[in-house]
Amino acid sequence: MAEGKKIRGKAQEAMGKAKEKTGKATGRDDLRLKGAGDQMAGKAKQAAGEATRNAKATKDEAKGKMRRHT
């Protein structure tokens, strides 16, 4: 699940970069701004995926420590 978020975020970021470059090349500010927004949303999805992965790893580590101490 977390990896899926990171992958989708990376894809959205790449699409955003393409839109932004296309907008700059064609002089379309709406497309350029949409691309910048997509990049930010993609980066946020990647961060959410990383946070989910880190939280799961921390939970698993704590669970392992509890088992050793009981």
PDB file of N, CA and C in Angstrom:
ATOM      1  N   MET A   1       0.827  -1.194   0.000  1.00  0.00           N
ATOM      2  CA  MET A   1       0.000   0.000   0.000  1.00  0.00           C
ATOM      3  C   MET A   1       0.872   1.260   0.000  1.00  0.00           C
ATOM      4  N   ALA A   2       1.841   1.309   0.912  1.00  0.00           N
ATOM      5  CA  ALA A   2       2.704   2.483   0.994  1.00  0.00           C
ATOM      6  C   ALA A   2       3.524   2.637  -0.287  1.00  0.00           C
ATOM      7  N   GLU A   3       4.009   1.507  -0.805  1.00  0.00           N
ATOM      8  CA  GLU A   3       4.787   1.574  -2.041  1.00  0.00           C
ATOM      9  C   GLU A   3       3.921   2.060  -3.197  1.00  0.00           C
ATOM     10  N   GLY A   4       2.666   1.660  -3.206  1.00  0.00           N
ATOM     11  CA  GLY A   4       1.742   2.106  -4.246  1.00  0.00           C
ATOM     12  C   GLY A   4       1.556   3.608  -4.229  1.00  0.00           C
ATOM     13  N   LYS A   5       1.452   4.179  -3.021  1.00  0.00           N
ATOM     14  CA  LYS A   5       1.318   5.628  -2.898  1.00  0.00           C
ATOM     15  C   LYS A   5       2.555   6.330  -3.433  1.00  0.00           C
ATOM     16  N   LYS A   6       3.707   5.777  -3.095  1.00  0.00           N
ATOM     17  CA  LYS A   6       4.952   6.397  -3.567  1.00  0.00           C
ATOM     18  C   LYS A   6       5.055   6.329  -5.088  1.00  0.00           C
ATOM     19  N   ILE A   7       4.667   5.200  -5.658  1.00  0.00           N
ATOM     20  CA  ILE A   7       4.735   5.040  -7.115  1.00  0.00           C
ATOM     21  C   ILE A   7       3.754   5.981  -7.807  1.00  0.00           C
ATOM     22  N   ARG A   8       2.511   6.032  -7.294  1.00  0.00           N
ATOM     23  CA  ARG A   8       1.518   6.938  -7.892  1.00  0.00           C
ATOM     24  C   ARG A   8       1.957   8.391  -7.745  1.00  0.00           C
ATOM     25  N   GLY A   9       2.566   8.721  -6.610  1.00  0.00           N
ATOM     26  CA  GLY A   9       3.060  10.079  -6.405  1.00  0.00           C
ATOM     27  C   GLY A   9       4.166  10.436  -7.377  1.00  0.00           C
ATOM     28  N   LYS A  10       5.071   9.492  -7.603  1.00  0.00           N
ATOM     29  CA  LYS A  10       6.172   9.731  -8.542  1.00  0.00           C
ATOM     30  C   LYS A  10       5.625   9.935  -9.957  1.00  0.00           C
ATOM     31  N   ALA A  11       4.629   9.127 -10.317  1.00  0.00           N
ATOM     32  CA  ALA A  11       4.024   9.256 -11.646  1.00  0.00           C
ATOM     33  C   ALA A  11       3.328  10.606 -11.799  1.00  0.00           C
ATOM     34  N   GLN A  12       2.603  11.019 -10.754  1.00  0.00           N
ATOM     35  CA  GLN A  12       1.902  12.304 -10.820  1.00  0.00           C
ATOM     36  C   GLN A  12       2.904  13.449 -10.903  1.00  0.00           C
ATOM     37  N   GLU A  13       3.994  13.330 -10.169  1.00  0.00           N
ATOM     38  CA  GLU A  13       5.024  14.366 -10.222  1.00  0.00           C
ATOM     39  C   GLU A  13       5.617  14.464 -11.633  1.00  0.00           C
ATOM     40  N   ALA A  14       5.887  13.322 -12.256  1.00  0.00           N
ATOM     41  CA  ALA A  14       6.442  13.318 -13.615  1.00  0.00           C
ATOM     42  C   ALA A  14       5.470  13.937 -14.611  1.00  0.00           C
ATOM     43  N   MET A  15       4.195  13.599 -14.480  1.00  0.00           N
ATOM     44  CA  MET A  15       3.185  14.187 -15.372  1.00  0.00           C
ATOM     45  C   MET A  15       3.097  15.695 -15.154  1.00  0.00           C
ATOM     46  N   GLY A  16       3.214  16.107 -13.911  1.00  0.00           N
ATOM     47  CA  GLY A  16       3.183  17.537 -13.608  1.00  0.00           C
ATOM     48  C   GLY A  16       4.341  18.274 -14.255  1.00  0.00           C
ATOM     49  N   LYS A  17       5.524  17.659 -14.222  1.00  0.00           N
ATOM     50  CA  LYS A  17       6.693  18.286 -14.859  1.00  0.00           C
ATOM     51  C   LYS A  17       6.463  18.432 -16.358  1.00  0.00           C
ATOM     52  N   ALA A  18       5.886  17.400 -16.956  1.00  0.00           N
ATOM     53  CA  ALA A  18       5.616  17.455 -18.401  1.00  0.00           C
ATOM     54  C   ALA A  18       4.600  18.551 -18.717  1.00  0.00           C
ATOM     55  N   LYS A  19       3.550  18.645 -17.914  1.00  0.00           N
ATOM     56  CA  LYS A  19       2.539  19.698 -18.138  1.00  0.00           C
ATOM     57  C   LYS A  19       3.154  21.074 -17.978  1.00  0.00           C
ATOM     58  N   GLU A  20       3.972  21.233 -16.935  1.00  0.00           N
ATOM     59  CA  GLU A  20       4.585  22.537 -16.695  1.00  0.00           C
ATOM     60  C   GLU A  20       5.482  22.940 -17.867  1.00  0.00           C
ATOM     61  N   LYS A  21       6.296  22.013 -18.356  1.00  0.00           N
ATOM     62  CA  LYS A  21       7.182  22.314 -19.483  1.00  0.00           C
ATOM     63  C   LYS A  21       6.379  22.624 -20.746  1.00  0.00           C
ATOM     64  N   THR A  22       5.299  21.871 -20.955  1.00  0.00           N
ATOM     65  CA  THR A  22       4.447  22.127 -22.115  1.00  0.00           C
ATOM     66  C   THR A  22       3.807  23.504 -22.002  1.00  0.00           C
ATOM     67  N   GLY A  23       3.338  23.825 -20.797  1.00  0.00           N
ATOM     68  CA  GLY A  23       2.738  25.143 -20.572  1.00  0.00           C
ATOM     69  C   GLY A  23       3.717  26.271 -20.819  1.00  0.00           C
ATOM     70  N   LYS A  24       4.956  26.091 -20.373  1.00  0.00           N
ATOM     71  CA  LYS A  24       5.983  27.112 -20.609  1.00  0.00           C
ATOM     72  C   LYS A  24       6.275  27.252 -22.093  1.00  0.00           C
ATOM     73  N   ALA A  25       6.366  26.123 -22.783  1.00  0.00           N
ATOM     74  CA  ALA A  25       6.700  26.140 -24.211  1.00  0.00           C
ATOM     75  C   ALA A  25       5.596  26.761 -25.055  1.00  0.00           C
ATOM     76  N   THR A  26       4.357  26.569 -24.650  1.00  0.00           N
ATOM     77  CA  THR A  26       3.227  27.078 -25.441  1.00  0.00           C
ATOM     78  C   THR A  26       2.694  28.410 -24.935  1.00  0.00           C
ATOM     79  N   GLY A  27       3.230  28.876 -23.803  1.00  0.00           N
ATOM     80  CA  GLY A  27       2.764  30.143 -23.253  1.00  0.00           C
ATOM     81  C   GLY A  27       1.424  30.033 -22.536  1.00  0.00           C
ATOM     82  N   ARG A  28       1.032  28.819 -22.191  1.00  0.00           N
ATOM     83  CA  ARG A  28      -0.241  28.621 -21.486  1.00  0.00           C
ATOM     84  C   ARG A  28       0.017  28.558 -19.982  1.00  0.00           C
ATOM     85  N   ASP A  29      -0.304  29.670 -19.309  1.00  0.00           N
ATOM     86  CA  ASP A  29      -0.089  29.734 -17.870  1.00  0.00           C
ATOM     87  C   ASP A  29      -0.967  28.750 -17.112  1.00  0.00           C
ATOM     88  N   ASP A  30      -2.176  28.486 -17.608  1.00  0.00           N
ATOM     89  CA  ASP A  30      -3.063  27.551 -16.912  1.00  0.00           C
ATOM     90  C   ASP A  30      -2.442  26.154 -16.865  1.00  0.00           C
ATOM     91  N   LEU A  31      -1.853  25.722 -17.947  1.00  0.00           N
ATOM     92  CA  LEU A  31      -1.235  24.402 -18.008  1.00  0.00           C
ATOM     93  C   LEU A  31       0.039  24.364 -17.159  1.00  0.00           C
ATOM     94  N   ARG A  32       0.787  25.440 -17.182  1.00  0.00           N
ATOM     95  CA  ARG A  32       2.003  25.526 -16.372  1.00  0.00           C
ATOM     96  C   ARG A  32       1.663  25.436 -14.885  1.00  0.00           C
ATOM     97  N   LEU A  33       0.630  26.164 -14.465  1.00  0.00           N
ATOM     98  CA  LEU A  33       0.222  26.143 -13.060  1.00  0.00           C
ATOM     99  C   LEU A  33      -0.369  24.794 -12.656  1.00  0.00           C
ATOM    100  N   LYS A  34      -1.126  24.179 -13.545  1.00  0.00           N
ATOM    101  CA  LYS A  34      -1.680  22.847 -13.279  1.00  0.00           C
ATOM    102  C   LYS A  34      -0.541  21.854 -13.098  1.00  0.00           C
ATOM    103  N   GLY A  35       0.475  21.958 -13.915  1.00  0.00           N
ATOM    104  CA  GLY A  35       1.634  21.082 -13.806  1.00  0.00           C
ATOM    105  C   GLY A  35       2.367  21.262 -12.483  1.00  0.00           C
ATOM    106  N   ALA A  36       2.528  22.508 -12.062  1.00  0.00           N
ATOM    107  CA  ALA A  36       3.185  22.776 -10.782  1.00  0.00           C
ATOM    108  C   ALA A  36       2.358  22.198  -9.632  1.00  0.00           C
ATOM    109  N   GLY A  37       1.047  22.318  -9.725  1.00  0.00           N
ATOM    110  CA  GLY A  37       0.164  21.758  -8.702  1.00  0.00           C
ATOM    111  C   GLY A  37       0.242  20.243  -8.660  1.00  0.00           C
ATOM    112  N   ASP A  38       0.282  19.634  -9.825  1.00  0.00           N
ATOM    113  CA  ASP A  38       0.399  18.176  -9.894  1.00  0.00           C
ATOM    114  C   ASP A  38       1.722  17.704  -9.289  1.00  0.00           C
ATOM    115  N   GLN A  39       2.768  18.469  -9.505  1.00  0.00           N
ATOM    116  CA  GLN A  39       4.065  18.099  -8.924  1.00  0.00           C
ATOM    117  C   GLN A  39       4.004  18.133  -7.401  1.00  0.00           C
ATOM    118  N   MET A  40       3.387  19.175  -6.852  1.00  0.00           N
ATOM    119  CA  MET A  40       3.269  19.281  -5.402  1.00  0.00           C
ATOM    120  C   MET A  40       2.419  18.147  -4.832  1.00  0.00           C
ATOM    121  N   ALA A  41       1.316  17.832  -5.507  1.00  0.00           N
ATOM    122  CA  ALA A  41       0.455  16.745  -5.052  1.00  0.00           C
ATOM    123  C   ALA A  41       1.199  15.411  -5.134  1.00  0.00           C
ATOM    124  N   GLY A  42       1.978  15.220  -6.165  1.00  0.00           N
ATOM    125  CA  GLY A  42       2.760  13.998  -6.300  1.00  0.00           C
ATOM    126  C   GLY A  42       3.784  13.852  -5.194  1.00  0.00           C
ATOM    127  N   LYS A  43       4.448  14.940  -4.857  1.00  0.00           N
ATOM    128  CA  LYS A  43       5.426  14.907  -3.774  1.00  0.00           C
ATOM    129  C   LYS A  43       4.745  14.618  -2.439  1.00  0.00           C
ATOM    130  N   ALA A  44       3.545  15.160  -2.247  1.00  0.00           N
ATOM    131  CA  ALA A  44       2.797  14.896  -1.015  1.00  0.00           C
ATOM    132  C   ALA A  44       2.413  13.415  -0.920  1.00  0.00           C
ATOM    133  N   LYS A  45       2.000  12.825  -2.035  1.00  0.00           N
ATOM    134  CA  LYS A  45       1.666  11.397  -2.036  1.00  0.00           C
ATOM    135  C   LYS A  45       2.889  10.555  -1.720  1.00  0.00           C
ATOM    136  N   GLN A  46       4.029  10.940  -2.261  1.00  0.00           N
ATOM    137  CA  GLN A  46       5.258  10.198  -1.973  1.00  0.00           C
ATOM    138  C   GLN A  46       5.608  10.291  -0.490  1.00  0.00           C
ATOM    139  N   ALA A  47       5.454  11.475   0.085  1.00  0.00           N
ATOM    140  CA  ALA A  47       5.741  11.657   1.509  1.00  0.00           C
ATOM    141  C   ALA A  47       4.776  10.843   2.368  1.00  0.00           C
ATOM    142  N   ALA A  48       3.508  10.799   1.960  1.00  0.00           N
ATOM    143  CA  ALA A  48       2.522  10.007   2.703  1.00  0.00           C
ATOM    144  C   ALA A  48       2.871   8.526   2.639  1.00  0.00           C
ATOM    145  N   GLY A  49       3.296   8.058   1.503  1.00  0.00           N
ATOM    146  CA  GLY A  49       3.706   6.666   1.359  1.00  0.00           C
ATOM    147  C   GLY A  49       4.913   6.342   2.220  1.00  0.00           C
ATOM    148  N   GLU A  50       5.860   7.253   2.260  1.00  0.00           N
ATOM    149  CA  GLU A  50       7.057   7.062   3.082  1.00  0.00           C
ATOM    150  C   GLU A  50       6.690   7.067   4.567  1.00  0.00           C
ATOM    151  N   ALA A  51       5.808   7.972   4.973  1.00  0.00           N
ATOM    152  CA  ALA A  51       5.375   8.033   6.373  1.00  0.00           C
ATOM    153  C   ALA A  51       4.645   6.753   6.768  1.00  0.00           C
ATOM    154  N   THR A  52       3.820   6.238   5.885  1.00  0.00           N
ATOM    155  CA  THR A  52       3.104   4.994   6.159  1.00  0.00           C
ATOM    156  C   THR A  52       4.091   3.843   6.317  1.00  0.00           C
ATOM    157  N   ARG A  53       5.066   3.798   5.446  1.00  0.00           N
ATOM    158  CA  ARG A  53       6.073   2.739   5.514  1.00  0.00           C
ATOM    159  C   ARG A  53       6.865   2.832   6.814  1.00  0.00           C
ATOM    160  N   ASN A  54       7.246   4.051   7.201  1.00  0.00           N
ATOM    161  CA  ASN A  54       8.006   4.240   8.436  1.00  0.00           C
ATOM    162  C   ASN A  54       7.174   3.872   9.668  1.00  0.00           C
ATOM    163  N   ALA A  55       5.906   4.237   9.654  1.00  0.00           N
ATOM    164  CA  ALA A  55       5.031   3.912  10.784  1.00  0.00           C
ATOM    165  C   ALA A  55       4.882   2.400  10.921  1.00  0.00           C
ATOM    166  N   LYS A  56       4.731   1.708   9.812  1.00  0.00           N
ATOM    167  CA  LYS A  56       4.604   0.254   9.856  1.00  0.00           C
ATOM    168  C   LYS A  56       5.888  -0.377  10.372  1.00  0.00           C
ATOM    169  N   ALA A  57       7.032   0.119   9.935  1.00  0.00           N
ATOM    170  CA  ALA A  57       8.314  -0.423  10.394  1.00  0.00           C
ATOM    171  C   ALA A  57       8.483  -0.201  11.896  1.00  0.00           C
ATOM    172  N   THR A  58       8.091   0.959  12.384  1.00  0.00           N
ATOM    173  CA  THR A  58       8.185   1.259  13.811  1.00  0.00           C
ATOM    174  C   THR A  58       7.268   0.347  14.607  1.00  0.00           C
ATOM    175  N   LYS A  59       6.062   0.127  14.098  1.00  0.00           N
ATOM    176  CA  LYS A  59       5.110  -0.761  14.770  1.00  0.00           C
ATOM    177  C   LYS A  59       5.659  -2.178  14.831  1.00  0.00           C
ATOM    178  N   ASP A  60       6.199  -2.650  13.727  1.00  0.00           N
ATOM    179  CA  ASP A  60       6.755  -4.003  13.685  1.00  0.00           C
ATOM    180  C   ASP A  60       7.950  -4.142  14.631  1.00  0.00           C
ATOM    181  N   GLU A  61       8.767  -3.103  14.696  1.00  0.00           N
ATOM    182  CA  GLU A  61       9.923  -3.134  15.592  1.00  0.00           C
ATOM    183  C   GLU A  61       9.479  -3.183  17.052  1.00  0.00           C
ATOM    184  N   ALA A  62       8.495  -2.374  17.398  1.00  0.00           N
ATOM    185  CA  ALA A  62       7.983  -2.365  18.764  1.00  0.00           C
ATOM    186  C   ALA A  62       7.355  -3.710  19.117  1.00  0.00           C
ATOM    187  N   LYS A  63       6.648  -4.272  18.178  1.00  0.00           N
ATOM    188  CA  LYS A  63       6.019  -5.578  18.387  1.00  0.00           C
ATOM    189  C   LYS A  63       7.084  -6.634  18.660  1.00  0.00           C
ATOM    190  N   GLY A  64       8.175  -6.594  17.929  1.00  0.00           N
ATOM    191  CA  GLY A  64       9.270  -7.535  18.122  1.00  0.00           C
ATOM    192  C   GLY A  64       9.927  -7.382  19.489  1.00  0.00           C
ATOM    193  N   LYS A  65      10.106  -6.147  19.934  1.00  0.00           N
ATOM    194  CA  LYS A  65      10.705  -5.888  21.240  1.00  0.00           C
ATOM    195  C   LYS A  65       9.787  -6.385  22.350  1.00  0.00           C
ATOM    196  N   MET A  66       8.494  -6.228  22.186  1.00  0.00           N
ATOM    197  CA  MET A  66       7.540  -6.683  23.202  1.00  0.00           C
ATOM    198  C   MET A  66       7.594  -8.206  23.330  1.00  0.00           C
ATOM    199  N   ARG A  67       7.728  -8.875  22.210  1.00  0.00           N
ATOM    200  CA  ARG A  67       7.767 -10.344  22.236  1.00  0.00           C
ATOM    201  C   ARG A  67       9.020 -10.844  22.949  1.00  0.00           C
ATOM    202  N   ARG A  68      10.130 -10.141  22.785  1.00  0.00           N
ATOM    203  CA  ARG A  68      11.363 -10.562  23.423  1.00  0.00           C
ATOM    204  C   ARG A  68      11.347 -10.336  24.925  1.00  0.00           C
ATOM    205  N   HIS A  69      10.569  -9.355  25.393  1.00  0.00           N
ATOM    206  CA  HIS A  69      10.544  -9.026  26.809  1.00  0.00           C
ATOM    207  C   HIS A  69       9.430  -9.736  27.585  1.00  0.00           C
ATOM    208  N   THR A  70       8.646 -10.515  26.924  1.00  0.00           N
ATOM    209  CA  THR A  70       7.573 -11.228  27.633  1.00  0.00           C
ATOM    210  C   THR A  70       7.888 -12.679  27.788  1.00  0.00           C
TER     211      THR A  70
END
